[in-house]
Amino acid sequence: MAQGFFNLHGRPIGGHIRAGACAQVAFVARSLFGTDTRSVQFLDARGGVLFKIYIGRDAARALIPAQLAAFDALRARLAQRQMA
């Protein structure tokens, strides 16, 4: 966080989300065009999407196992924190 923005630093993505505009973060698992997808979505107060980060795919178009494991672990860790 800096100057009211949540800053994403890294590769291959980077950017800024105005923290005050973000009301919710959702971990989304769904089928899109018959293919499983996973994404972290930053939502505004009306449920509109500010920013999405999708799990990557390998050469065979399968979700990258390490990224999928990290997604599941973070989702579980944050869910536990919310319940506490």
N, C-alpha and C. Protein backbone atom coordinates (compact mmCIF):
# COMPACT_ATOMS: atom_id res chain seq x y z
N MET A 1 0.84 -1.18 0.00
CA MET A 1 0.00 0.00 0.00
C MET A 1 0.89 1.25 0.00
N ALA A 2 0.52 2.19 -0.84
CA ALA A 2 1.22 3.47 -0.85
C ALA A 2 0.31 4.52 -1.48
N GLN A 3 0.16 5.63 -0.81
CA GLN A 3 -0.60 6.77 -1.30
C GLN A 3 -1.99 6.38 -1.78
N GLY A 4 -2.66 5.48 -1.05
CA GLY A 4 -4.02 5.10 -1.37
C GLY A 4 -4.17 4.03 -2.44
N PHE A 5 -3.05 3.47 -2.90
CA PHE A 5 -3.09 2.45 -3.93
C PHE A 5 -2.49 1.15 -3.42
N PHE A 6 -3.07 0.03 -3.86
CA PHE A 6 -2.48 -1.28 -3.67
C PHE A 6 -1.62 -1.51 -4.90
N ASN A 7 -0.34 -1.66 -4.69
CA ASN A 7 0.61 -1.77 -5.80
C ASN A 7 0.98 -3.22 -6.05
N LEU A 8 0.83 -3.66 -7.28
CA LEU A 8 1.21 -5.00 -7.69
C LEU A 8 2.56 -4.90 -8.38
N HIS A 9 3.55 -5.57 -7.79
CA HIS A 9 4.90 -5.57 -8.35
C HIS A 9 5.27 -7.00 -8.68
N GLY A 10 5.73 -7.23 -9.84
CA GLY A 10 6.17 -8.58 -10.19
C GLY A 10 6.17 -8.79 -11.68
N ARG A 11 6.39 -10.02 -12.01
CA ARG A 11 6.41 -10.41 -13.41
C ARG A 11 5.46 -11.58 -13.55
N PRO A 12 4.62 -11.65 -14.48
CA PRO A 12 4.52 -10.77 -15.64
C PRO A 12 3.54 -9.62 -15.47
N ILE A 13 2.97 -9.42 -14.27
CA ILE A 13 1.99 -8.34 -14.12
C ILE A 13 2.50 -7.26 -13.18
N GLY A 14 1.91 -6.12 -13.31
CA GLY A 14 2.18 -5.02 -12.41
C GLY A 14 1.09 -4.00 -12.60
N GLY A 15 0.84 -3.22 -11.59
CA GLY A 15 -0.19 -2.20 -11.72
C GLY A 15 -0.58 -1.66 -10.37
N HIS A 16 -1.63 -0.85 -10.38
CA HIS A 16 -2.09 -0.18 -9.17
C HIS A 16 -3.61 -0.27 -9.12
N ILE A 17 -4.13 -0.55 -7.93
CA ILE A 17 -5.57 -0.56 -7.70
C ILE A 17 -5.84 0.45 -6.60
N ARG A 18 -6.77 1.36 -6.86
CA ARG A 18 -7.12 2.34 -5.82
C ARG A 18 -7.78 1.58 -4.68
N ALA A 19 -7.12 1.54 -3.53
CA ALA A 19 -7.57 0.73 -2.40
C ALA A 19 -8.99 1.10 -1.96
N GLY A 20 -9.33 2.36 -1.97
CA GLY A 20 -10.66 2.79 -1.55
C GLY A 20 -11.76 2.33 -2.47
N ALA A 21 -11.43 2.01 -3.70
CA ALA A 21 -12.43 1.54 -4.67
C ALA A 21 -12.66 0.04 -4.54
N CYS A 22 -11.74 -0.67 -3.91
CA CYS A 22 -11.84 -2.12 -3.80
C CYS A 22 -12.62 -2.49 -2.55
N ALA A 23 -13.79 -3.10 -2.74
CA ALA A 23 -14.64 -3.49 -1.61
C ALA A 23 -14.49 -4.95 -1.25
N GLN A 24 -14.02 -5.76 -2.20
CA GLN A 24 -13.98 -7.20 -1.97
C GLN A 24 -12.95 -7.84 -2.89
N VAL A 25 -12.36 -8.94 -2.43
CA VAL A 25 -11.48 -9.76 -3.25
C VAL A 25 -12.11 -11.14 -3.32
N ALA A 26 -12.28 -11.67 -4.51
CA ALA A 26 -12.93 -12.97 -4.69
C ALA A 26 -11.97 -13.95 -5.36
N PHE A 27 -11.98 -15.18 -4.86
CA PHE A 27 -11.24 -16.27 -5.49
C PHE A 27 -12.27 -17.05 -6.31
N VAL A 28 -12.13 -17.01 -7.63
CA VAL A 28 -13.15 -17.56 -8.52
C VAL A 28 -12.64 -18.81 -9.22
N ALA A 29 -13.42 -19.88 -9.11
CA ALA A 29 -13.14 -21.13 -9.82
C ALA A 29 -14.38 -21.41 -10.66
N ARG A 30 -14.21 -21.44 -11.98
CA ARG A 30 -15.36 -21.70 -12.84
C ARG A 30 -14.91 -22.28 -14.17
N SER A 31 -15.89 -22.76 -14.91
CA SER A 31 -15.64 -23.27 -16.24
C SER A 31 -15.91 -22.15 -17.24
N LEU A 32 -14.99 -21.96 -18.16
CA LEU A 32 -15.14 -20.93 -19.19
C LEU A 32 -14.85 -21.59 -20.53
N PHE A 33 -15.84 -21.63 -21.38
CA PHE A 33 -15.72 -22.29 -22.68
C PHE A 33 -15.29 -23.75 -22.53
N GLY A 34 -15.84 -24.41 -21.49
CA GLY A 34 -15.55 -25.82 -21.27
C GLY A 34 -14.20 -26.12 -20.63
N THR A 35 -13.51 -25.09 -20.18
CA THR A 35 -12.19 -25.26 -19.56
C THR A 35 -12.22 -24.67 -18.15
N ASP A 36 -11.66 -25.40 -17.19
CA ASP A 36 -11.59 -24.88 -15.82
C ASP A 36 -10.67 -23.66 -15.77
N THR A 37 -11.08 -22.66 -15.00
CA THR A 37 -10.26 -21.46 -14.79
C THR A 37 -10.21 -21.15 -13.30
N ARG A 38 -9.21 -20.41 -12.91
CA ARG A 38 -9.08 -19.88 -11.55
C ARG A 38 -8.59 -18.45 -11.68
N SER A 39 -9.20 -17.56 -10.89
CA SER A 39 -8.76 -16.17 -10.91
C SER A 39 -8.99 -15.53 -9.55
N VAL A 40 -8.21 -14.51 -9.28
CA VAL A 40 -8.41 -13.63 -8.13
C VAL A 40 -8.97 -12.35 -8.73
N GLN A 41 -10.14 -11.92 -8.23
CA GLN A 41 -10.80 -10.75 -8.79
C GLN A 41 -11.00 -9.70 -7.71
N PHE A 42 -10.66 -8.48 -8.03
CA PHE A 42 -10.81 -7.34 -7.13
C PHE A 42 -12.09 -6.62 -7.57
N LEU A 43 -13.06 -6.47 -6.64
CA LEU A 43 -14.39 -5.95 -6.96
C LEU A 43 -14.66 -4.61 -6.28
N ASP A 44 -15.45 -3.77 -6.95
CA ASP A 44 -15.87 -2.51 -6.33
C ASP A 44 -17.14 -2.74 -5.51
N ALA A 45 -17.67 -1.71 -4.91
CA ALA A 45 -18.83 -1.83 -4.02
C ALA A 45 -20.08 -2.32 -4.73
N ARG A 46 -20.18 -2.14 -6.04
CA ARG A 46 -21.35 -2.60 -6.80
C ARG A 46 -21.14 -4.00 -7.37
N GLY A 47 -19.99 -4.61 -7.10
CA GLY A 47 -19.69 -5.94 -7.62
C GLY A 47 -19.01 -5.91 -8.98
N GLY A 48 -18.69 -4.72 -9.46
CA GLY A 48 -17.97 -4.61 -10.72
C GLY A 48 -16.51 -4.99 -10.54
N VAL A 49 -15.93 -5.56 -11.58
CA VAL A 49 -14.55 -6.03 -11.51
C VAL A 49 -13.59 -4.88 -11.80
N LEU A 50 -12.66 -4.66 -10.87
CA LEU A 50 -11.60 -3.67 -11.07
C LEU A 50 -10.40 -4.29 -11.78
N PHE A 51 -10.11 -5.56 -11.43
CA PHE A 51 -8.88 -6.19 -11.91
C PHE A 51 -9.02 -7.69 -11.71
N LYS A 52 -8.54 -8.48 -12.66
CA LYS A 52 -8.53 -9.93 -12.54
C LYS A 52 -7.13 -10.46 -12.77
N ILE A 53 -6.77 -11.48 -11.99
CA ILE A 53 -5.50 -12.18 -12.19
C ILE A 53 -5.83 -13.65 -12.38
N TYR A 54 -5.49 -14.20 -13.54
CA TYR A 54 -5.79 -15.60 -13.85
C TYR A 54 -4.57 -16.49 -13.61
N ILE A 55 -4.83 -17.73 -13.21
CA ILE A 55 -3.79 -18.74 -13.09
C ILE A 55 -3.28 -19.04 -14.49
N GLY A 56 -1.99 -19.21 -14.63
CA GLY A 56 -1.39 -19.48 -15.93
C GLY A 56 -1.63 -20.90 -16.42
N ARG A 57 -1.33 -21.12 -17.68
CA ARG A 57 -1.49 -22.43 -18.32
C ARG A 57 -0.16 -22.87 -18.92
N ASP A 58 0.02 -24.19 -19.00
CA ASP A 58 1.23 -24.74 -19.60
C ASP A 58 1.03 -24.92 -21.11
N ALA A 59 1.99 -25.53 -21.77
CA ALA A 59 1.93 -25.71 -23.23
C ALA A 59 0.74 -26.57 -23.66
N ALA A 60 0.26 -27.43 -22.78
CA ALA A 60 -0.89 -28.28 -23.08
C ALA A 60 -2.21 -27.59 -22.69
N ARG A 61 -2.15 -26.32 -22.30
CA ARG A 61 -3.31 -25.51 -21.89
C ARG A 61 -3.93 -25.95 -20.57
N ALA A 62 -3.17 -26.72 -19.78
CA ALA A 62 -3.62 -27.12 -18.44
C ALA A 62 -3.16 -26.06 -17.44
N LEU A 63 -3.95 -25.88 -16.37
CA LEU A 63 -3.54 -24.95 -15.32
C LEU A 63 -2.19 -25.38 -14.77
N ILE A 64 -1.31 -24.43 -14.53
CA ILE A 64 0.03 -24.74 -14.02
C ILE A 64 -0.12 -25.22 -12.57
N PRO A 65 0.31 -26.46 -12.28
CA PRO A 65 0.09 -27.04 -10.96
C PRO A 65 0.61 -26.20 -9.79
N ALA A 66 1.78 -25.62 -9.89
CA ALA A 66 2.33 -24.81 -8.79
C ALA A 66 1.46 -23.58 -8.54
N GLN A 67 0.97 -22.95 -9.60
CA GLN A 67 0.11 -21.78 -9.44
C GLN A 67 -1.24 -22.18 -8.85
N LEU A 68 -1.75 -23.31 -9.28
CA LEU A 68 -3.02 -23.80 -8.75
C LEU A 68 -2.89 -24.10 -7.26
N ALA A 69 -1.79 -24.72 -6.86
CA ALA A 69 -1.55 -25.01 -5.45
C ALA A 69 -1.43 -23.72 -4.64
N ALA A 70 -0.74 -22.73 -5.18
CA ALA A 70 -0.59 -21.45 -4.49
C ALA A 70 -1.94 -20.73 -4.37
N PHE A 71 -2.75 -20.78 -5.40
CA PHE A 71 -4.10 -20.20 -5.39
C PHE A 71 -4.93 -20.84 -4.27
N ASP A 72 -4.97 -22.18 -4.24
CA ASP A 72 -5.74 -22.91 -3.24
C ASP A 72 -5.24 -22.63 -1.82
N ALA A 73 -3.92 -22.57 -1.64
CA ALA A 73 -3.35 -22.31 -0.33
C ALA A 73 -3.69 -20.91 0.16
N LEU A 74 -3.58 -19.91 -0.71
CA LEU A 74 -3.89 -18.55 -0.31
C LEU A 74 -5.37 -18.40 0.00
N ARG A 75 -6.21 -18.99 -0.83
CA ARG A 75 -7.66 -18.94 -0.58
C ARG A 75 -7.99 -19.56 0.78
N ALA A 76 -7.41 -20.70 1.09
CA ALA A 76 -7.65 -21.37 2.37
C ALA A 76 -7.12 -20.55 3.54
N ARG A 77 -5.93 -19.98 3.38
CA ARG A 77 -5.33 -19.18 4.45
C ARG A 77 -6.18 -17.95 4.76
N LEU A 78 -6.65 -17.28 3.73
CA LEU A 78 -7.47 -16.08 3.94
C LEU A 78 -8.84 -16.44 4.49
N ALA A 79 -9.39 -17.57 4.09
CA ALA A 79 -10.69 -18.01 4.63
C ALA A 79 -10.56 -18.31 6.13
N GLN A 80 -9.46 -18.93 6.53
CA GLN A 80 -9.23 -19.20 7.96
C GLN A 80 -9.11 -17.90 8.74
N ARG A 81 -8.40 -16.94 8.17
CA ARG A 81 -8.21 -15.65 8.84
C ARG A 81 -9.55 -14.94 9.01
N GLN A 82 -10.42 -15.04 8.01
CA GLN A 82 -11.72 -14.39 8.07
C GLN A 82 -12.61 -15.04 9.13
N MET A 83 -12.48 -16.35 9.34
CA MET A 83 -13.29 -17.06 10.30
C MET A 83 -12.83 -16.80 11.74
N ALA A 84 -11.58 -16.40 11.90
CA ALA A 84 -11.02 -16.20 13.25
C ALA A 84 -11.48 -14.90 13.88
